[in-house]
């Protein structure tokens, strides 16, 4: 079977260095390997856009890719691996003519910052749903689910900080405990737990107006 790759350009936050994306893309072209550059895998996941199931996904942190795209997908973490090592693993040449990346065209201005729930860790405590003020979470089938990713406040990972199982991933966060970089879970700090208690205390007070 002819190999092919789906390469995330991490357009919005540049968590994957552009020079690394361009190197892989250029090496693929030089080797005659099919490489589809997508602006942002997070956006594709949130919009439920289809991906070629036979392609290897080249993206960011291991747990983030598994959670966003699915555990059955073939994937590789290119964020934390040096470029030369990546090219070797992908059986691509290390010398090649540099090519410009395809132009990015996006249908709207939404920035794909949103949580993803690692089902292998989630204990269904519902604290994230109680904590979130923006209606990102709900329980359509009795399980806590991210049903409104576009409602998430950009650059706010607060619900992930208070998750007792460290099951919530913000792939674009710079914090390793929140972005899926760490294999072992990290418990919330005392400050995070205090923030949760404070938020829940206010939630018990009847609201006199609807939050925007």
C-alpha atoms as a PDB file:
ATOM      1  CA  UNK A   1       0.000   0.000   0.000  1.00  0.00           C
ATOM      2  CA  UNK A   2       1.344   3.423  -0.952  1.00  0.00           C
ATOM      3  CA  UNK A   3       1.962   5.485   2.165  1.00  0.00           C
ATOM      4  CA  UNK A   4       0.381   8.889   2.648  1.00  0.00           C
ATOM      5  CA  UNK A   5       0.437  11.499   5.366  1.00  0.00           C
ATOM      6  CA  UNK A   6      -1.919  14.099   6.826  1.00  0.00           C
ATOM      7  CA  UNK A   7       0.235  16.904   8.187  1.00  0.00           C
ATOM      8  CA  UNK A   8      -1.093  19.419  10.736  1.00  0.00           C
ATOM      9  CA  UNK A   9       0.199  22.960  10.168  1.00  0.00           C
ATOM     10  CA  UNK A  10      -1.098  24.080  13.596  1.00  0.00           C
ATOM     11  CA  UNK A  11      -2.153  27.316  11.911  1.00  0.00           C
ATOM     12  CA  UNK A  12      -3.618  29.168  14.891  1.00  0.00           C
ATOM     13  CA  UNK A  13      -1.082  28.634  17.675  1.00  0.00           C
ATOM     14  CA  UNK A  14       2.030  27.341  15.870  1.00  0.00           C
ATOM     15  CA  UNK A  15       2.676  24.735  18.545  1.00  0.00           C
ATOM     16  CA  UNK A  16       4.337  22.746  15.767  1.00  0.00           C
ATOM     17  CA  UNK A  17       7.129  24.958  14.325  1.00  0.00           C
ATOM     18  CA  UNK A  18       6.355  26.056  10.772  1.00  0.00           C
ATOM     19  CA  UNK A  19       9.897  25.193   9.659  1.00  0.00           C
ATOM     20  CA  UNK A  20       9.340  21.576  10.726  1.00  0.00           C
ATOM     21  CA  UNK A  21       6.019  21.373   8.876  1.00  0.00           C
ATOM     22  CA  UNK A  22       7.626  22.842   5.762  1.00  0.00           C
ATOM     23  CA  UNK A  23      10.561  20.421   5.969  1.00  0.00           C
ATOM     24  CA  UNK A  24       8.294  17.366   6.125  1.00  0.00           C
ATOM     25  CA  UNK A  25       6.089  18.685   3.333  1.00  0.00           C
ATOM     26  CA  UNK A  26       9.095  19.446   1.117  1.00  0.00           C
ATOM     27  CA  UNK A  27      10.674  16.047   1.795  1.00  0.00           C
ATOM     28  CA  UNK A  28       7.411  14.308   0.900  1.00  0.00           C
ATOM     29  CA  UNK A  29       7.215  16.162  -2.413  1.00  0.00           C
ATOM     30  CA  UNK A  30      10.837  15.276  -3.191  1.00  0.00           C
ATOM     31  CA  UNK A  31      10.170  11.606  -2.456  1.00  0.00           C
ATOM     32  CA  UNK A  32       6.870  11.479  -4.326  1.00  0.00           C
ATOM     33  CA  UNK A  33       4.936  10.731  -1.137  1.00  0.00           C
ATOM     34  CA  UNK A  34       1.338  11.928  -0.845  1.00  0.00           C
ATOM     35  CA  UNK A  35       1.176  14.591   1.903  1.00  0.00           C
ATOM     36  CA  UNK A  36      -2.009  16.537   2.643  1.00  0.00           C
ATOM     37  CA  UNK A  37      -1.384  19.650   4.739  1.00  0.00           C
ATOM     38  CA  UNK A  38      -4.383  20.613   6.871  1.00  0.00           C
ATOM     39  CA  UNK A  39      -4.514  24.018   8.616  1.00  0.00           C
ATOM     40  CA  UNK A  40      -5.442  22.582  12.003  1.00  0.00           C
ATOM     41  CA  UNK A  41      -6.333  19.061  13.185  1.00  0.00           C
ATOM     42  CA  UNK A  42      -8.145  20.451  16.225  1.00  0.00           C
ATOM     43  CA  UNK A  43     -10.536  22.311  13.954  1.00  0.00           C
ATOM     44  CA  UNK A  44     -11.128  19.201  11.845  1.00  0.00           C
ATOM     45  CA  UNK A  45     -11.942  17.230  14.995  1.00  0.00           C
ATOM     46  CA  UNK A  46     -14.353  19.869  16.325  1.00  0.00           C
ATOM     47  CA  UNK A  47     -16.140  20.120  12.968  1.00  0.00           C
ATOM     48  CA  UNK A  48     -16.241  16.314  12.551  1.00  0.00           C
ATOM     49  CA  UNK A  49     -14.666  16.591   9.124  1.00  0.00           C
ATOM     50  CA  UNK A  50     -13.607  13.238   7.595  1.00  0.00           C
ATOM     51  CA  UNK A  51      -9.970  12.217   7.241  1.00  0.00           C
ATOM     52  CA  UNK A  52      -8.435   9.560   5.035  1.00  0.00           C
ATOM     53  CA  UNK A  53      -8.370   6.544   7.350  1.00  0.00           C
ATOM     54  CA  UNK A  54      -5.427   5.035   5.474  1.00  0.00           C
ATOM     55  CA  UNK A  55      -3.145   8.031   6.014  1.00  0.00           C
ATOM     56  CA  UNK A  56      -0.739   8.481   8.923  1.00  0.00           C
ATOM     57  CA  UNK A  57      -1.578  11.595  10.938  1.00  0.00           C
ATOM     58  CA  UNK A  58       1.367  13.835  11.771  1.00  0.00           C
ATOM     59  CA  UNK A  59       0.450  16.127  14.639  1.00  0.00           C
ATOM     60  CA  UNK A  60       1.185  17.131  18.199  1.00  0.00           C
ATOM     61  CA  UNK A  61       1.109  15.328  21.547  1.00  0.00           C
ATOM     62  CA  UNK A  62       0.381  11.608  21.608  1.00  0.00           C
ATOM     63  CA  UNK A  63      -2.637  11.679  23.928  1.00  0.00           C
ATOM     64  CA  UNK A  64      -4.043  14.756  22.185  1.00  0.00           C
ATOM     65  CA  UNK A  65      -4.069  13.062  18.782  1.00  0.00           C
ATOM     66  CA  UNK A  66      -5.563   9.847  20.184  1.00  0.00           C
ATOM     67  CA  UNK A  67      -8.317  11.768  21.961  1.00  0.00           C
ATOM     68  CA  UNK A  68      -9.136  14.179  19.129  1.00  0.00           C
ATOM     69  CA  UNK A  69      -8.919  11.819  16.159  1.00  0.00           C
ATOM     70  CA  UNK A  70      -9.471   8.374  17.654  1.00  0.00           C
ATOM     71  CA  UNK A  71      -7.364   5.621  19.128  1.00  0.00           C
ATOM     72  CA  UNK A  72      -7.596   3.506  15.978  1.00  0.00           C
ATOM     73  CA  UNK A  73      -5.845   6.100  13.828  1.00  0.00           C
ATOM     74  CA  UNK A  74      -2.238   5.714  12.711  1.00  0.00           C
ATOM     75  CA  UNK A  75      -0.397   8.757  14.031  1.00  0.00           C
ATOM     76  CA  UNK A  76       2.971  10.243  14.944  1.00  0.00           C
ATOM     77  CA  UNK A  77       3.933  13.006  17.378  1.00  0.00           C
ATOM     78  CA  UNK A  78       6.004  15.476  15.338  1.00  0.00           C
ATOM     79  CA  UNK A  79       6.017  18.279  17.899  1.00  0.00           C
ATOM     80  CA  UNK A  80       8.508  16.717  20.313  1.00  0.00           C
ATOM     81  CA  UNK A  81      10.663  14.822  17.796  1.00  0.00           C
ATOM     82  CA  UNK A  82      13.673  16.485  16.083  1.00  0.00           C
ATOM     83  CA  UNK A  83      13.230  17.034  12.339  1.00  0.00           C
ATOM     84  CA  UNK A  84      16.091  14.744  11.227  1.00  0.00           C
ATOM     85  CA  UNK A  85      14.749  11.933  13.398  1.00  0.00           C
ATOM     86  CA  UNK A  86      11.259  12.471  11.999  1.00  0.00           C
ATOM     87  CA  UNK A  87      12.442  12.295   8.391  1.00  0.00           C
ATOM     88  CA  UNK A  88      14.265   9.058   9.176  1.00  0.00           C
ATOM     89  CA  UNK A  89      11.200   7.514  10.840  1.00  0.00           C
ATOM     90  CA  UNK A  90       9.056   8.544   7.877  1.00  0.00           C
ATOM     91  CA  UNK A  91      11.626   7.157   5.407  1.00  0.00           C
ATOM     92  CA  UNK A  92      11.995  10.578   3.809  1.00  0.00           C
ATOM     93  CA  UNK A  93      15.160  12.196   2.393  1.00  0.00           C
ATOM     94  CA  UNK A  94      17.098  14.615   4.576  1.00  0.00           C
ATOM     95  CA  UNK A  95      18.170  16.716   1.595  1.00  0.00           C
ATOM     96  CA  UNK A  96      15.492  18.227  -0.641  1.00  0.00           C
ATOM     97  CA  UNK A  97      14.446  21.469  -2.350  1.00  0.00           C
ATOM     98  CA  UNK A  98      12.277  23.589  -0.062  1.00  0.00           C
ATOM     99  CA  UNK A  99       8.699  24.148  -1.181  1.00  0.00           C
ATOM    100  CA  UNK A 100       6.128  26.661  -0.015  1.00  0.00           C
ATOM    101  CA  UNK A 101       3.234  25.285   2.012  1.00  0.00           C
ATOM    102  CA  UNK A 102      -0.239  25.426   0.439  1.00  0.00           C
ATOM    103  CA  UNK A 103      -2.202  28.614   1.133  1.00  0.00           C
ATOM    104  CA  UNK A 104      -4.527  28.446   4.119  1.00  0.00           C
ATOM    105  CA  UNK A 105      -8.182  29.202   3.456  1.00  0.00           C
ATOM    106  CA  UNK A 106     -10.598  29.081   6.369  1.00  0.00           C
ATOM    107  CA  UNK A 107     -14.400  29.331   6.193  1.00  0.00           C
ATOM    108  CA  UNK A 108     -14.779  31.470   9.331  1.00  0.00           C
ATOM    109  CA  UNK A 109     -12.868  33.232  12.096  1.00  0.00           C
ATOM    110  CA  UNK A 110     -13.445  30.678  14.853  1.00  0.00           C
ATOM    111  CA  UNK A 111     -10.245  29.784  16.720  1.00  0.00           C
ATOM    112  CA  UNK A 112     -10.346  26.057  17.600  1.00  0.00           C
ATOM    113  CA  UNK A 113      -9.561  26.294  21.300  1.00  0.00           C
ATOM    114  CA  UNK A 114     -11.715  23.742  23.114  1.00  0.00           C
ATOM    115  CA  UNK A 115     -11.463  20.759  25.489  1.00  0.00           C
ATOM    116  CA  UNK A 116     -11.298  17.102  24.509  1.00  0.00           C
ATOM    117  CA  UNK A 117     -12.138  14.355  27.014  1.00  0.00           C
ATOM    118  CA  UNK A 118      -9.821  11.367  27.331  1.00  0.00           C
ATOM    119  CA  UNK A 119     -12.362   8.580  27.818  1.00  0.00           C
ATOM    120  CA  UNK A 120      -9.692   6.265  29.237  1.00  0.00           C
ATOM    121  CA  UNK A 121      -9.352   8.594  32.245  1.00  0.00           C
ATOM    122  CA  UNK A 122     -12.733  10.282  32.667  1.00  0.00           C
ATOM    123  CA  UNK A 123     -14.593   9.163  35.822  1.00  0.00           C
ATOM    124  CA  UNK A 124     -17.837  11.001  34.926  1.00  0.00           C
ATOM    125  CA  UNK A 125     -17.761  13.175  38.043  1.00  0.00           C
ATOM    126  CA  UNK A 126     -19.267  16.092  36.113  1.00  0.00           C
ATOM    127  CA  UNK A 127     -17.068  18.720  37.780  1.00  0.00           C
ATOM    128  CA  UNK A 128     -16.058  20.147  34.405  1.00  0.00           C
ATOM    129  CA  UNK A 129     -19.700  20.653  33.438  1.00  0.00           C
ATOM    130  CA  UNK A 130     -20.506  22.264  36.804  1.00  0.00           C
ATOM    131  CA  UNK A 131     -17.459  24.517  36.531  1.00  0.00           C
ATOM    132  CA  UNK A 132     -17.850  25.685  32.917  1.00  0.00           C
ATOM    133  CA  UNK A 133     -19.845  28.915  32.507  1.00  0.00           C
ATOM    134  CA  UNK A 134     -20.148  28.682  28.724  1.00  0.00           C
ATOM    135  CA  UNK A 135     -22.217  25.552  28.096  1.00  0.00           C
ATOM    136  CA  UNK A 136     -19.389  23.600  26.475  1.00  0.00           C
ATOM    137  CA  UNK A 137     -20.336  20.330  28.189  1.00  0.00           C
ATOM    138  CA  UNK A 138     -23.568  18.371  28.454  1.00  0.00           C
ATOM    139  CA  UNK A 139     -24.785  14.794  29.059  1.00  0.00           C
ATOM    140  CA  UNK A 140     -26.736  13.822  25.919  1.00  0.00           C
ATOM    141  CA  UNK A 141     -26.410  10.092  26.611  1.00  0.00           C
ATOM    142  CA  UNK A 142     -25.699  10.168  30.323  1.00  0.00           C
ATOM    143  CA  UNK A 143     -21.967  10.743  29.813  1.00  0.00           C
ATOM    144  CA  UNK A 144     -20.185  14.081  30.019  1.00  0.00           C
ATOM    145  CA  UNK A 145     -19.491  15.176  26.445  1.00  0.00           C
ATOM    146  CA  UNK A 146     -18.061  18.243  24.708  1.00  0.00           C
ATOM    147  CA  UNK A 147     -21.151  19.207  22.724  1.00  0.00           C
ATOM    148  CA  UNK A 148     -20.457  22.894  22.059  1.00  0.00           C
ATOM    149  CA  UNK A 149     -16.702  23.344  21.404  1.00  0.00           C
ATOM    150  CA  UNK A 150     -17.235  26.729  19.757  1.00  0.00           C
ATOM    151  CA  UNK A 151     -18.680  28.094  23.014  1.00  0.00           C
ATOM    152  CA  UNK A 152     -15.380  27.627  24.847  1.00  0.00           C
ATOM    153  CA  UNK A 153     -13.604  30.820  25.903  1.00  0.00           C
ATOM    154  CA  UNK A 154     -10.387  31.096  23.890  1.00  0.00           C
ATOM    155  CA  UNK A 155      -7.236  30.418  25.952  1.00  0.00           C
ATOM    156  CA  UNK A 156      -9.218  29.383  29.048  1.00  0.00           C
ATOM    157  CA  UNK A 157      -8.216  25.865  30.244  1.00  0.00           C
ATOM    158  CA  UNK A 158      -9.720  26.242  33.743  1.00  0.00           C
ATOM    159  CA  UNK A 159     -11.933  23.136  33.536  1.00  0.00           C
ATOM    160  CA  UNK A 160      -8.867  21.017  32.725  1.00  0.00           C
ATOM    161  CA  UNK A 161      -7.034  22.341  35.765  1.00  0.00           C
ATOM    162  CA  UNK A 162      -9.776  21.218  38.154  1.00  0.00           C
ATOM    163  CA  UNK A 163     -10.385  17.785  36.580  1.00  0.00           C
ATOM    164  CA  UNK A 164      -9.526  15.226  39.313  1.00  0.00           C
ATOM    165  CA  UNK A 165      -8.553  12.581  36.739  1.00  0.00           C
ATOM    166  CA  UNK A 166      -6.546  14.911  34.459  1.00  0.00           C
ATOM    167  CA  UNK A 167      -8.834  13.659  31.667  1.00  0.00           C
ATOM    168  CA  UNK A 168      -9.411  16.967  29.861  1.00  0.00           C
ATOM    169  CA  UNK A 169      -6.981  17.937  27.115  1.00  0.00           C
ATOM    170  CA  UNK A 170      -6.427  21.339  25.549  1.00  0.00           C
ATOM    171  CA  UNK A 171      -4.062  20.394  22.733  1.00  0.00           C
ATOM    172  CA  UNK A 172      -2.980  24.002  22.177  1.00  0.00           C
ATOM    173  CA  UNK A 173      -2.105  24.716  25.807  1.00  0.00           C
ATOM    174  CA  UNK A 174       1.544  25.296  26.665  1.00  0.00           C
ATOM    175  CA  UNK A 175       1.141  23.409  29.966  1.00  0.00           C
ATOM    176  CA  UNK A 176       2.256  19.797  29.642  1.00  0.00           C
ATOM    177  CA  UNK A 177      -0.264  18.556  32.195  1.00  0.00           C
ATOM    178  CA  UNK A 178      -3.089  20.047  30.102  1.00  0.00           C
ATOM    179  CA  UNK A 179      -2.017  19.433  26.493  1.00  0.00           C
ATOM    180  CA  UNK A 180      -1.648  15.647  26.484  1.00  0.00           C
ATOM    181  CA  UNK A 181       2.132  15.514  26.696  1.00  0.00           C
ATOM    182  CA  UNK A 182       2.311  13.540  29.937  1.00  0.00           C
ATOM    183  CA  UNK A 183       1.526   9.835  30.139  1.00  0.00           C
ATOM    184  CA  UNK A 184       0.746   9.873  33.855  1.00  0.00           C
ATOM    185  CA  UNK A 185      -2.155  11.953  35.275  1.00  0.00           C
ATOM    186  CA  UNK A 186      -1.450  15.021  37.429  1.00  0.00           C
ATOM    187  CA  UNK A 187      -3.816  15.866  40.274  1.00  0.00           C
ATOM    188  CA  UNK A 188      -5.255  19.402  40.593  1.00  0.00           C
ATOM    189  CA  UNK A 189      -3.296  21.754  42.831  1.00  0.00           C
ATOM    190  CA  UNK A 190      -4.731  23.198  46.057  1.00  0.00           C
ATOM    191  CA  UNK A 191      -5.352  26.486  44.232  1.00  0.00           C
ATOM    192  CA  UNK A 192      -7.255  24.689  41.463  1.00  0.00           C
ATOM    193  CA  UNK A 193      -9.407  22.844  44.008  1.00  0.00           C
ATOM    194  CA  UNK A 194     -10.125  26.112  45.819  1.00  0.00           C
ATOM    195  CA  UNK A 195     -11.201  27.687  42.516  1.00  0.00           C
ATOM    196  CA  UNK A 196     -13.634  24.812  41.955  1.00  0.00           C
ATOM    197  CA  UNK A 197     -15.145  25.171  45.433  1.00  0.00           C
ATOM    198  CA  UNK A 198     -15.554  28.931  44.920  1.00  0.00           C
ATOM    199  CA  UNK A 199     -17.235  28.486  41.531  1.00  0.00           C
ATOM    200  CA  UNK A 200     -19.626  25.822  42.837  1.00  0.00           C
ATOM    201  CA  UNK A 201     -20.529  28.029  45.821  1.00  0.00           C
ATOM    202  CA  UNK A 202     -21.584  30.812  43.452  1.00  0.00           C
ATOM    203  CA  UNK A 203     -23.469  28.355  41.263  1.00  0.00           C
ATOM    204  CA  UNK A 204     -25.733  27.505  44.202  1.00  0.00           C
ATOM    205  CA  UNK A 205     -26.882  31.140  44.424  1.00  0.00           C
ATOM    206  CA  UNK A 206     -29.996  31.780  42.251  1.00  0.00           C
ATOM    207  CA  UNK A 207     -29.192  33.896  39.209  1.00  0.00           C
ATOM    208  CA  UNK A 208     -31.171  37.086  38.619  1.00  0.00           C
ATOM    209  CA  UNK A 209     -30.046  37.450  35.028  1.00  0.00           C
ATOM    210  CA  UNK A 210     -28.926  35.296  32.128  1.00  0.00           C
ATOM    211  CA  UNK A 211     -25.175  35.195  31.462  1.00  0.00           C
ATOM    212  CA  UNK A 212     -24.104  36.125  27.957  1.00  0.00           C
END
